[in-house]
C-alpha atoms as a PDB file:
ATOM      1  CA  MET A   1      16.068  -5.723  16.710  1.00  0.00           C
ATOM      2  CA  LYS A   2      13.456  -8.088  15.277  1.00  0.00           C
ATOM      3  CA  LEU A   3      11.310  -6.731  12.428  1.00  0.00           C
ATOM      4  CA  LEU A   4       8.078  -8.099  10.996  1.00  0.00           C
ATOM      5  CA  ILE A   5       7.110  -6.621   7.624  1.00  0.00           C
ATOM      6  CA  LEU A   6       3.553  -7.288   6.501  1.00  0.00           C
ATOM      7  CA  GLY A   7       3.186  -7.367   2.731  1.00  0.00           C
ATOM      8  CA  GLY A   8       6.734  -8.443   1.949  1.00  0.00           C
ATOM      9  CA  ASN A   9       6.077  -9.002  -1.751  1.00  0.00           C
ATOM     10  CA  GLY A  10       4.351  -5.669  -2.395  1.00  0.00           C
ATOM     11  CA  MET A  11       5.834  -2.579  -4.008  1.00  0.00           C
ATOM     12  CA  ALA A  12       6.945  -1.065  -0.705  1.00  0.00           C
ATOM     13  CA  GLY A  13       7.296  -4.314   1.206  1.00  0.00           C
ATOM     14  CA  HIS A  14       9.786  -6.126  -1.013  1.00  0.00           C
ATOM     15  CA  ILE A  15      12.167  -3.156  -0.960  1.00  0.00           C
ATOM     16  CA  LEU A  16      11.824  -2.903   2.823  1.00  0.00           C
ATOM     17  CA  VAL A  17      12.700  -6.589   3.174  1.00  0.00           C
ATOM     18  CA  ASP A  18      15.633  -6.279   0.767  1.00  0.00           C
ATOM     19  CA  TYR A  19      16.914  -3.097   2.432  1.00  0.00           C
ATOM     20  CA  PHE A  20      16.950  -4.481   5.958  1.00  0.00           C
ATOM     21  CA  ARG A  21      18.361  -7.853   4.913  1.00  0.00           C
ATOM     22  CA  ARG A  22      21.205  -6.224   2.990  1.00  0.00           C
ATOM     23  CA  GLN A  23      21.850  -3.989   5.981  1.00  0.00           C
ATOM     24  CA  GLY A  24      22.372  -7.092   8.091  1.00  0.00           C
ATOM     25  CA  ILE A  25      21.665  -5.462  11.447  1.00  0.00           C
ATOM     26  CA  HIS A  26      18.167  -6.713  12.277  1.00  0.00           C
ATOM     27  CA  SER A  27      16.364 -10.054  12.169  1.00  0.00           C
ATOM     28  CA  VAL A  28      13.851  -9.658   9.342  1.00  0.00           C
ATOM     29  CA  PHE A  29      10.614 -11.608   8.959  1.00  0.00           C
ATOM     30  CA  TYR A  30       7.943 -10.872   6.371  1.00  0.00           C
ATOM     31  CA  THR A  31       4.511 -12.115   5.415  1.00  0.00           C
ATOM     32  CA  THR A  32       3.386 -13.190   1.977  1.00  0.00           C
ATOM     33  CA  ARG A  33       0.370 -14.646   0.180  1.00  0.00           C
ATOM     34  CA  ASP A  34       2.665 -16.526  -2.205  1.00  0.00           C
ATOM     35  CA  VAL A  35       2.705 -20.215  -1.288  1.00  0.00           C
ATOM     36  CA  THR A  36       5.820 -20.703  -3.446  1.00  0.00           C
ATOM     37  CA  ASP A  37       7.892 -18.185  -1.467  1.00  0.00           C
ATOM     38  CA  PRO A  38      10.211 -20.277   0.719  1.00  0.00           C
ATOM     39  CA  ASN A  39      11.365 -17.340   2.839  1.00  0.00           C
ATOM     40  CA  GLY A  40       8.107 -15.608   3.732  1.00  0.00           C
ATOM     41  CA  LEU A  41       5.544 -16.372   6.406  1.00  0.00           C
ATOM     42  CA  LEU A  42       2.303 -17.347   4.690  1.00  0.00           C
ATOM     43  CA  LEU A  43      -0.531 -15.144   5.939  1.00  0.00           C
ATOM     44  CA  ASP A  44      -4.000 -14.150   4.823  1.00  0.00           C
ATOM     45  CA  VAL A  45      -4.464 -10.794   6.536  1.00  0.00           C
ATOM     46  CA  ASN A  46      -8.238 -11.230   6.257  1.00  0.00           C
ATOM     47  CA  ASP A  47      -7.888 -13.869   8.977  1.00  0.00           C
ATOM     48  CA  SER A  48      -7.742 -11.755  12.130  1.00  0.00           C
ATOM     49  CA  PHE A  49      -7.077 -14.734  14.383  1.00  0.00           C
ATOM     50  CA  MET A  50      -4.051 -15.779  12.337  1.00  0.00           C
ATOM     51  CA  VAL A  51      -2.744 -12.205  12.216  1.00  0.00           C
ATOM     52  CA  ASP A  52      -2.736 -12.096  16.007  1.00  0.00           C
ATOM     53  CA  ARG A  53      -1.187 -15.550  16.331  1.00  0.00           C
ATOM     54  CA  LEU A  54       1.578 -14.837  13.818  1.00  0.00           C
ATOM     55  CA  VAL A  55       2.542 -11.540  15.441  1.00  0.00           C
ATOM     56  CA  GLU A  56       2.583 -13.172  18.860  1.00  0.00           C
ATOM     57  CA  ALA A  57       4.701 -16.067  17.542  1.00  0.00           C
ATOM     58  CA  VAL A  58       7.286 -13.841  15.838  1.00  0.00           C
ATOM     59  CA  HIS A  59       7.191 -11.386  18.755  1.00  0.00           C
ATOM     60  CA  PRO A  60       8.861  -8.541  16.828  1.00  0.00           C
ATOM     61  CA  ASP A  61      10.177  -5.304  18.255  1.00  0.00           C
ATOM     62  CA  VAL A  62       8.726  -3.397  15.292  1.00  0.00           C
ATOM     63  CA  ILE A  63       5.853  -4.256  12.950  1.00  0.00           C
ATOM     64  CA  VAL A  64       5.928  -2.487   9.584  1.00  0.00           C
ATOM     65  CA  ASN A  65       2.554  -2.596   7.861  1.00  0.00           C
ATOM     66  CA  ALA A  66       2.953  -2.321   4.090  1.00  0.00           C
ATOM     67  CA  VAL A  67      -0.260  -4.188   3.232  1.00  0.00           C
ATOM     68  CA  GLY A  68      -3.028  -2.484   1.307  1.00  0.00           C
ATOM     69  CA  VAL A  69      -5.952  -2.927  -1.067  1.00  0.00           C
ATOM     70  CA  LEU A  70      -5.194  -0.361  -3.742  1.00  0.00           C
ATOM     71  CA  ASN A  71      -7.247   2.041  -5.845  1.00  0.00           C
ATOM     72  CA  SER A  72      -9.786   0.327  -8.115  1.00  0.00           C
ATOM     73  CA  PHE A  73      -9.434  -2.952  -6.205  1.00  0.00           C
ATOM     74  CA  ALA A  74     -10.763  -1.155  -3.127  1.00  0.00           C
ATOM     75  CA  ASP A  75     -13.780   0.088  -5.080  1.00  0.00           C
ATOM     76  CA  GLU A  76     -14.441  -3.407  -6.415  1.00  0.00           C
ATOM     77  CA  ASP A  77     -14.271  -5.073  -2.981  1.00  0.00           C
ATOM     78  CA  LYS A  78     -15.183  -2.522  -0.340  1.00  0.00           C
ATOM     79  CA  ILE A  79     -15.575  -5.051   2.468  1.00  0.00           C
ATOM     80  CA  THR A  80     -12.023  -6.308   2.033  1.00  0.00           C
ATOM     81  CA  ALA A  81     -10.767  -2.729   1.676  1.00  0.00           C
ATOM     82  CA  TYR A  82     -12.410  -1.705   4.947  1.00  0.00           C
ATOM     83  CA  HIS A  83     -10.945  -4.712   6.700  1.00  0.00           C
ATOM     84  CA  ILE A  84      -7.364  -4.507   5.378  1.00  0.00           C
ATOM     85  CA  ASN A  85      -6.940  -0.755   4.879  1.00  0.00           C
ATOM     86  CA  GLY A  86      -9.168   0.433   7.689  1.00  0.00           C
ATOM     87  CA  PHE A  87      -9.312  -2.089  10.532  1.00  0.00           C
ATOM     88  CA  LEU A  88      -6.124  -4.169  10.220  1.00  0.00           C
ATOM     89  CA  PRO A  89      -3.748  -1.327  11.222  1.00  0.00           C
ATOM     90  CA  HIS A  90      -5.657  -0.812  14.467  1.00  0.00           C
ATOM     91  CA  ARG A  91      -5.679  -4.537  15.149  1.00  0.00           C
ATOM     92  CA  LEU A  92      -1.924  -4.566  14.625  1.00  0.00           C
ATOM     93  CA  ARG A  93      -1.606  -1.645  17.029  1.00  0.00           C
ATOM     94  CA  ARG A  94      -3.563  -3.557  19.643  1.00  0.00           C
ATOM     95  CA  VAL A  95      -1.496  -6.739  19.368  1.00  0.00           C
ATOM     96  CA  ALA A  96       1.679  -4.615  19.250  1.00  0.00           C
ATOM     97  CA  ASP A  97       0.692  -3.109  22.583  1.00  0.00           C
ATOM     98  CA  THR A  98       0.229  -6.558  24.113  1.00  0.00           C
ATOM     99  CA  ILE A  99       3.774  -7.633  23.205  1.00  0.00           C
ATOM    100  CA  GLY A 100       5.493  -4.270  23.685  1.00  0.00           C
ATOM    101  CA  ALA A 101       6.146  -3.681  19.976  1.00  0.00           C
ATOM    102  CA  ARG A 102       6.076  -0.516  17.873  1.00  0.00           C
ATOM    103  CA  LEU A 103       3.864  -0.279  14.775  1.00  0.00           C
ATOM    104  CA  ILE A 104       4.991   1.694  11.735  1.00  0.00           C
ATOM    105  CA  HIS A 105       2.092   1.956   9.314  1.00  0.00           C
ATOM    106  CA  ILE A 106       2.393   3.233   5.730  1.00  0.00           C
ATOM    107  CA  SER A 107      -0.429   5.499   4.536  1.00  0.00           C
ATOM    108  CA  THR A 108      -0.976   7.536   1.388  1.00  0.00           C
ATOM    109  CA  ASP A 109      -1.551  11.010  -0.017  1.00  0.00           C
ATOM    110  CA  CYS A 110      -4.653   9.537  -1.666  1.00  0.00           C
ATOM    111  CA  VAL A 111      -6.593  10.232   1.538  1.00  0.00           C
ATOM    112  CA  PHE A 112      -6.950  13.735   0.051  1.00  0.00           C
ATOM    113  CA  SER A 113      -9.001  14.757  -2.971  1.00  0.00           C
ATOM    114  CA  GLY A 114      -6.196  16.657  -4.669  1.00  0.00           C
ATOM    115  CA  ASP A 115      -8.273  19.803  -5.141  1.00  0.00           C
ATOM    116  CA  ARG A 116      -5.679  22.169  -3.665  1.00  0.00           C
ATOM    117  CA  GLY A 117      -2.416  20.503  -2.560  1.00  0.00           C
ATOM    118  CA  ALA A 118       0.006  21.417   0.250  1.00  0.00           C
ATOM    119  CA  TYR A 119      -1.974  19.283   2.710  1.00  0.00           C
ATOM    120  CA  ARG A 120      -0.876  19.399   6.355  1.00  0.00           C
ATOM    121  CA  GLU A 121      -0.953  16.590   8.884  1.00  0.00           C
ATOM    122  CA  ASP A 122      -3.933  18.198  10.627  1.00  0.00           C
ATOM    123  CA  ASP A 123      -6.012  18.806   7.495  1.00  0.00           C
ATOM    124  CA  VAL A 124      -9.277  16.883   7.338  1.00  0.00           C
ATOM    125  CA  THR A 125      -9.040  14.046   4.823  1.00  0.00           C
ATOM    126  CA  ASP A 126     -11.503  14.601   1.979  1.00  0.00           C
ATOM    127  CA  GLY A 127     -10.903  11.804  -0.518  1.00  0.00           C
ATOM    128  CA  THR A 128     -14.146  10.142  -1.602  1.00  0.00           C
ATOM    129  CA  SER A 129     -13.034   6.842  -3.152  1.00  0.00           C
ATOM    130  CA  ALA A 130     -13.197   3.596  -1.191  1.00  0.00           C
ATOM    131  CA  TYR A 131      -9.402   3.572  -1.170  1.00  0.00           C
ATOM    132  CA  ALA A 132      -9.187   7.107   0.234  1.00  0.00           C
ATOM    133  CA  ILE A 133     -11.823   6.544   2.909  1.00  0.00           C
ATOM    134  CA  THR A 134     -10.455   3.207   4.107  1.00  0.00           C
ATOM    135  CA  LYS A 135      -6.829   4.360   4.160  1.00  0.00           C
ATOM    136  CA  ALA A 136      -7.816   7.414   6.199  1.00  0.00           C
ATOM    137  CA  LEU A 137      -9.682   5.141   8.604  1.00  0.00           C
ATOM    138  CA  GLY A 138      -6.554   3.031   9.082  1.00  0.00           C
ATOM    139  CA  GLU A 139      -4.201   5.833  10.092  1.00  0.00           C
ATOM    140  CA  VAL A 140      -2.986   4.923  13.578  1.00  0.00           C
ATOM    141  CA  GLN A 141      -2.109   7.944  15.698  1.00  0.00           C
ATOM    142  CA  ASP A 142      -1.680   6.359  19.126  1.00  0.00           C
ATOM    143  CA  ALA A 143       1.336   7.252  21.249  1.00  0.00           C
ATOM    144  CA  GLY A 144       4.347   5.044  20.614  1.00  0.00           C
ATOM    145  CA  HIS A 145       3.254   4.099  17.113  1.00  0.00           C
ATOM    146  CA  LEU A 146       3.806   5.849  13.801  1.00  0.00           C
ATOM    147  CA  THR A 147       1.854   6.401  10.598  1.00  0.00           C
ATOM    148  CA  ILE A 148       3.939   7.641   7.666  1.00  0.00           C
ATOM    149  CA  ARG A 149       1.710   9.363   5.137  1.00  0.00           C
ATOM    150  CA  THR A 150       3.489   9.570   1.786  1.00  0.00           C
ATOM    151  CA  SER A 151       3.364   8.594  -1.887  1.00  0.00           C
ATOM    152  CA  ILE A 152       5.788   6.100  -3.360  1.00  0.00           C
ATOM    153  CA  ILE A 153       7.284   5.072  -6.680  1.00  0.00           C
ATOM    154  CA  GLY A 154       9.361   1.983  -7.271  1.00  0.00           C
ATOM    155  CA  PRO A 155       9.694  -1.387  -8.975  1.00  0.00           C
ATOM    156  CA  GLU A 156       7.388  -4.326  -8.391  1.00  0.00           C
ATOM    157  CA  ILE A 157       8.094  -8.043  -8.248  1.00  0.00           C
ATOM    158  CA  ARG A 158       4.521  -9.254  -8.634  1.00  0.00           C
ATOM    159  CA  LYS A 159       2.746  -9.571 -11.949  1.00  0.00           C
ATOM    160  CA  GLY A 160      -0.027  -7.072 -12.567  1.00  0.00           C
ATOM    161  CA  GLY A 161       1.584  -4.170 -10.738  1.00  0.00           C
ATOM    162  CA  ILE A 162      -0.318  -0.886 -11.008  1.00  0.00           C
ATOM    163  CA  GLY A 163       2.327   1.592  -9.889  1.00  0.00           C
ATOM    164  CA  LEU A 164       3.408   4.487 -12.107  1.00  0.00           C
ATOM    165  CA  MET A 165       6.967   3.275 -12.555  1.00  0.00           C
ATOM    166  CA  HIS A 166       5.916  -0.287 -13.382  1.00  0.00           C
ATOM    167  CA  TRP A 167       3.442   1.030 -15.948  1.00  0.00           C
ATOM    168  CA  PHE A 168       5.961   3.379 -17.551  1.00  0.00           C
ATOM    169  CA  MET A 169       8.756   0.820 -17.766  1.00  0.00           C
ATOM    170  CA  SER A 170       6.345  -1.669 -19.384  1.00  0.00           C
ATOM    171  CA  THR A 171       5.104   0.814 -22.000  1.00  0.00           C
ATOM    172  CA  THR A 172       6.369   1.731 -25.449  1.00  0.00           C
ATOM    173  CA  GLY A 173       5.416   4.446 -27.927  1.00  0.00           C
ATOM    174  CA  GLU A 174       3.693   7.674 -26.974  1.00  0.00           C
ATOM    175  CA  VAL A 175       2.521   8.127 -23.396  1.00  0.00           C
ATOM    176  CA  GLY A 176       0.724  11.057 -21.833  1.00  0.00           C
ATOM    177  CA  GLY A 177       2.526  12.952 -19.115  1.00  0.00           C
ATOM    178  CA  TYR A 178       0.217  15.062 -16.974  1.00  0.00           C
ATOM    179  CA  THR A 179       1.604  18.576 -16.686  1.00  0.00           C
ATOM    180  CA  ARG A 180      -0.989  19.682 -14.118  1.00  0.00           C
ATOM    181  CA  VAL A 181      -0.866  16.653 -11.806  1.00  0.00           C
ATOM    182  CA  PHE A 182       1.648  17.282  -9.036  1.00  0.00           C
ATOM    183  CA  TRP A 183       3.502  14.850  -6.775  1.00  0.00           C
ATOM    184  CA  ASN A 184       6.073  15.105  -4.000  1.00  0.00           C
ATOM    185  CA  GLY A 185       6.599  11.615  -2.680  1.00  0.00           C
ATOM    186  CA  VAL A 186       9.639   9.348  -2.437  1.00  0.00           C
ATOM    187  CA  THR A 187      11.077   6.200  -3.951  1.00  0.00           C
ATOM    188  CA  THR A 188      10.471   2.956  -2.108  1.00  0.00           C
ATOM    189  CA  LEU A 189      14.192   2.834  -1.326  1.00  0.00           C
ATOM    190  CA  GLU A 190      14.029   6.277   0.264  1.00  0.00           C
ATOM    191  CA  LEU A 191      10.974   5.148   2.245  1.00  0.00           C
ATOM    192  CA  ALA A 192      12.976   2.188   3.555  1.00  0.00           C
ATOM    193  CA  LYS A 193      15.726   4.533   4.742  1.00  0.00           C
ATOM    194  CA  TRP A 194      13.214   6.602   6.693  1.00  0.00           C
ATOM    195  CA  VAL A 195      11.484   3.566   8.171  1.00  0.00           C
ATOM    196  CA  ASP A 196      14.961   2.582   9.368  1.00  0.00           C
ATOM    197  CA  HIS A 197      15.395   6.063  10.847  1.00  0.00           C
ATOM    198  CA  TYR A 198      12.124   5.789  12.767  1.00  0.00           C
ATOM    199  CA  LEU A 199      12.555   2.243  14.117  1.00  0.00           C
ATOM    200  CA  ALA A 200      13.647   3.439  17.545  1.00  0.00           C
ATOM    201  CA  SER A 201      12.655   7.090  17.242  1.00  0.00           C
ATOM    202  CA  PRO A 202      10.506   8.775  19.898  1.00  0.00           C
ATOM    203  CA  VAL A 203       8.432  10.331  17.099  1.00  0.00           C
ATOM    204  CA  SER A 204       4.903   8.935  17.045  1.00  0.00           C
ATOM    205  CA  GLY A 205       1.481   9.755  15.649  1.00  0.00           C
ATOM    206  CA  LEU A 206       1.053  10.910  12.053  1.00  0.00           C
ATOM    207  CA  ILE A 207       3.871  12.368   9.966  1.00  0.00           C
ATOM    208  CA  HIS A 208       4.291  13.398   6.339  1.00  0.00           C
ATOM    209  CA  LEU A 209       7.217  12.082   4.306  1.00  0.00           C
ATOM    210  CA  ALA A 210       7.198  14.485   1.372  1.00  0.00           C
ATOM    211  CA  HIS A 211       9.655  16.407  -0.769  1.00  0.00           C
ATOM    212  CA  PRO A 212       9.503  20.206  -0.312  1.00  0.00           C
ATOM    213  CA  VAL A 213       9.585  20.775  -4.099  1.00  0.00           C
ATOM    214  CA  PRO A 214       6.691  19.166  -6.024  1.00  0.00           C
ATOM    215  CA  VAL A 215       7.143  17.786  -9.531  1.00  0.00           C
ATOM    216  CA  SER A 216       4.567  17.244 -12.267  1.00  0.00           C
ATOM    217  CA  LYS A 217       3.836  13.688 -13.378  1.00  0.00           C
ATOM    218  CA  HIS A 218       5.076  14.731 -16.837  1.00  0.00           C
ATOM    219  CA  ASP A 219       8.452  15.790 -15.470  1.00  0.00           C
ATOM    220  CA  LEU A 220       8.603  12.675 -13.306  1.00  0.00           C
ATOM    221  CA  LEU A 221       8.198  10.470 -16.383  1.00  0.00           C
ATOM    222  CA  ILE A 222      10.974  12.406 -18.092  1.00  0.00           C
ATOM    223  CA  LEU A 223      13.181  11.684 -15.074  1.00  0.00           C
ATOM    224  CA  PHE A 224      12.308   7.974 -15.348  1.00  0.00           C
ATOM    225  CA  GLN A 225      13.234   8.076 -19.012  1.00  0.00           C
ATOM    226  CA  LYS A 226      16.588   9.736 -18.366  1.00  0.00           C
ATOM    227  CA  THR A 227      17.507   7.563 -15.391  1.00  0.00           C
ATOM    228  CA  TRP A 228      16.870   4.256 -17.178  1.00  0.00           C
ATOM    229  CA  ASP A 229      17.731   5.546 -20.681  1.00  0.00           C
ATOM    230  CA  LYS A 230      14.349   4.379 -21.943  1.00  0.00           C
ATOM    231  CA  GLN A 231      14.411   5.371 -25.605  1.00  0.00           C
ATOM    232  CA  ASP A 232      11.326   3.457 -26.765  1.00  0.00           C
ATOM    233  CA  VAL A 233       8.912   5.957 -25.201  1.00  0.00           C
ATOM    234  CA  VAL A 234       7.908   9.495 -26.146  1.00  0.00           C
ATOM    235  CA  VAL A 235       6.376  11.470 -23.270  1.00  0.00           C
ATOM    236  CA  VAL A 236       3.708  13.810 -24.630  1.00  0.00           C
ATOM    237  CA  PRO A 237       2.529  16.716 -22.429  1.00  0.00           C
ATOM    238  CA  ASP A 238      -1.103  16.342 -21.361  1.00  0.00           C
ATOM    239  CA  ASP A 239      -2.919  19.095 -19.433  1.00  0.00           C
ATOM    240  CA  SER A 240      -6.337  17.435 -19.414  1.00  0.00           C
ATOM    241  CA  ILE A 241      -6.258  16.440 -15.734  1.00  0.00           C
ATOM    242  CA  VAL A 242      -5.670  18.771 -12.779  1.00  0.00           C
ATOM    243  CA  GLN A 243      -4.746  17.241  -9.416  1.00  0.00           C
ATOM    244  CA  ASP A 244      -2.504  18.196  -6.518  1.00  0.00           C
ATOM    245  CA  ARG A 245      -2.199  15.810  -3.576  1.00  0.00           C
ATOM    246  CA  THR A 246       1.125  17.195  -2.429  1.00  0.00           C
ATOM    247  CA  LEU A 247       1.871  17.055   1.296  1.00  0.00           C
ATOM    248  CA  VAL A 248       3.744  19.419   3.586  1.00  0.00           C
ATOM    249  CA  SER A 249       5.470  18.469   6.825  1.00  0.00           C
ATOM    250  CA  THR A 250       4.716  20.910   9.638  1.00  0.00           C
ATOM    251  CA  ARG A 251       5.688  18.971  12.759  1.00  0.00           C
ATOM    252  CA  GLU A 252       8.608  20.622  14.534  1.00  0.00           C
ATOM    253  CA  ASP A 253       9.862  17.277  15.865  1.00  0.00           C
ATOM    254  CA  VAL A 254      10.159  15.841  12.343  1.00  0.00           C
ATOM    255  CA  LYS A 255      13.161  16.897  10.265  1.00  0.00           C
ATOM    256  CA  THR A 256      13.197  15.289   6.835  1.00  0.00           C
ATOM    257  CA  ASP A 257      16.140  16.035   4.571  1.00  0.00           C
ATOM    258  CA  LEU A 258      15.376  14.417   1.224  1.00  0.00           C
ATOM    259  CA  PRO A 259      17.633  14.267  -1.847  1.00  0.00           C
ATOM    260  CA  ASP A 260      16.331  15.657  -5.127  1.00  0.00           C
ATOM    261  CA  TYR A 261      14.242  13.381  -7.351  1.00  0.00           C
ATOM    262  CA  SER A 262      17.070  12.704  -9.796  1.00  0.00           C
ATOM    263  CA  THR A 263      19.332  11.521  -6.983  1.00  0.00           C
ATOM    264  CA  MET A 264      16.606   9.352  -5.467  1.00  0.00           C
ATOM    265  CA  LEU A 265      15.986   7.681  -8.828  1.00  0.00           C
ATOM    266  CA  LYS A 266      19.682   7.124  -9.531  1.00  0.00           C
ATOM    267  CA  GLU A 267      20.088   5.505  -6.112  1.00  0.00           C
ATOM    268  CA  LEU A 268      17.072   3.298  -6.828  1.00  0.00           C
ATOM    269  CA  ALA A 269      18.440   2.314 -10.256  1.00  0.00           C
ATOM    270  CA  LEU A 270      21.769   1.303  -8.693  1.00  0.00           C
ATOM    271  CA  TRP A 271      19.950  -0.647  -5.983  1.00  0.00           C
ATOM    272  CA  MET A 272      17.944  -2.518  -8.620  1.00  0.00           C
ATOM    273  CA  GLU A 273      21.118  -3.378 -10.562  1.00  0.00           C
ATOM    274  CA  GLN A 274      22.586  -4.901  -7.418  1.00  0.00           C
ATOM    275  CA  SER A 275      19.513  -7.016  -6.653  1.00  0.00           C
END
C-alpha cells in the first residue's frame, strides 16, 4: 500500500512516518515545509493547486492528514487557520475521491469547550477559539473516509514545539500540574498504531480515539517524570483551572483497546531510544 502523510515533520506526522518506515510494509511518502529535508516532498499546503498536483502525482492508496495550525497560531492568523484546518481536509477528500484513495484525517478534542467532558461523537462542537472552530469545520465525515478525533502527546523534532511533553521535558524547577484539567488521549506512537489499524478498515466517518479512564494533567506530568526519570522538576498541584475535554467512544463498530497511560509512555520512551 502507498501512503502519503501530510505534515511529516509535525508532532504526529514524524512519528507516523517513522512508524510506517520501520514497519517496512508500505511505501511511505510525506510532505514537509523544510527545504533541507532530503527525504520529504516539499509542499506549501496553502497552495491548493500544488496540493492537488502532488496528491495526483504520488497517487497514494491512503492520505493521512496530520497538518494543522495550532492554538494561538490559529488565533493570530485566522485566514490561514480556516484554509488549513477547515478547508484543506475537504479538498484532500475531493482529490482522494478522484484517484480512489482513502483519507484519514486527524482532529482534536479542542473542538469542545471543556465545560463538562465525556463528549460523544454526535455532540455539537462548542469550542469558541479560532483553532476549535476551524478544526471542527475540517472534520470529514464522508463515506469511505475517516476522521480520528483525539488528543495526543509525544516528542517533537521541530524547534519551538508547543506540546505538553515537549514543554515539560524542556523545563526545570517547579512546574504547575493542573489537578482539575482532565485528559484521555493517546501518545503519538499509539495513534500511529491505530492509523495502521484503520488503513484498510471499513470504518468511516467520525470516531473517537480516547482512553476510557481520564487522567489529570497533574498526574500525567508525574507519569512523564517517572517514565523519563526527570529529577530536575518538581510538579506542584494547581487547582486554579477547571477543564474537561475528555471524549467517549460510543460507536458499536469501533472497538478500541488501549493500554494504560504508563504502558503507552514506556513504549514511547523505548521507541524514542531506538530512533
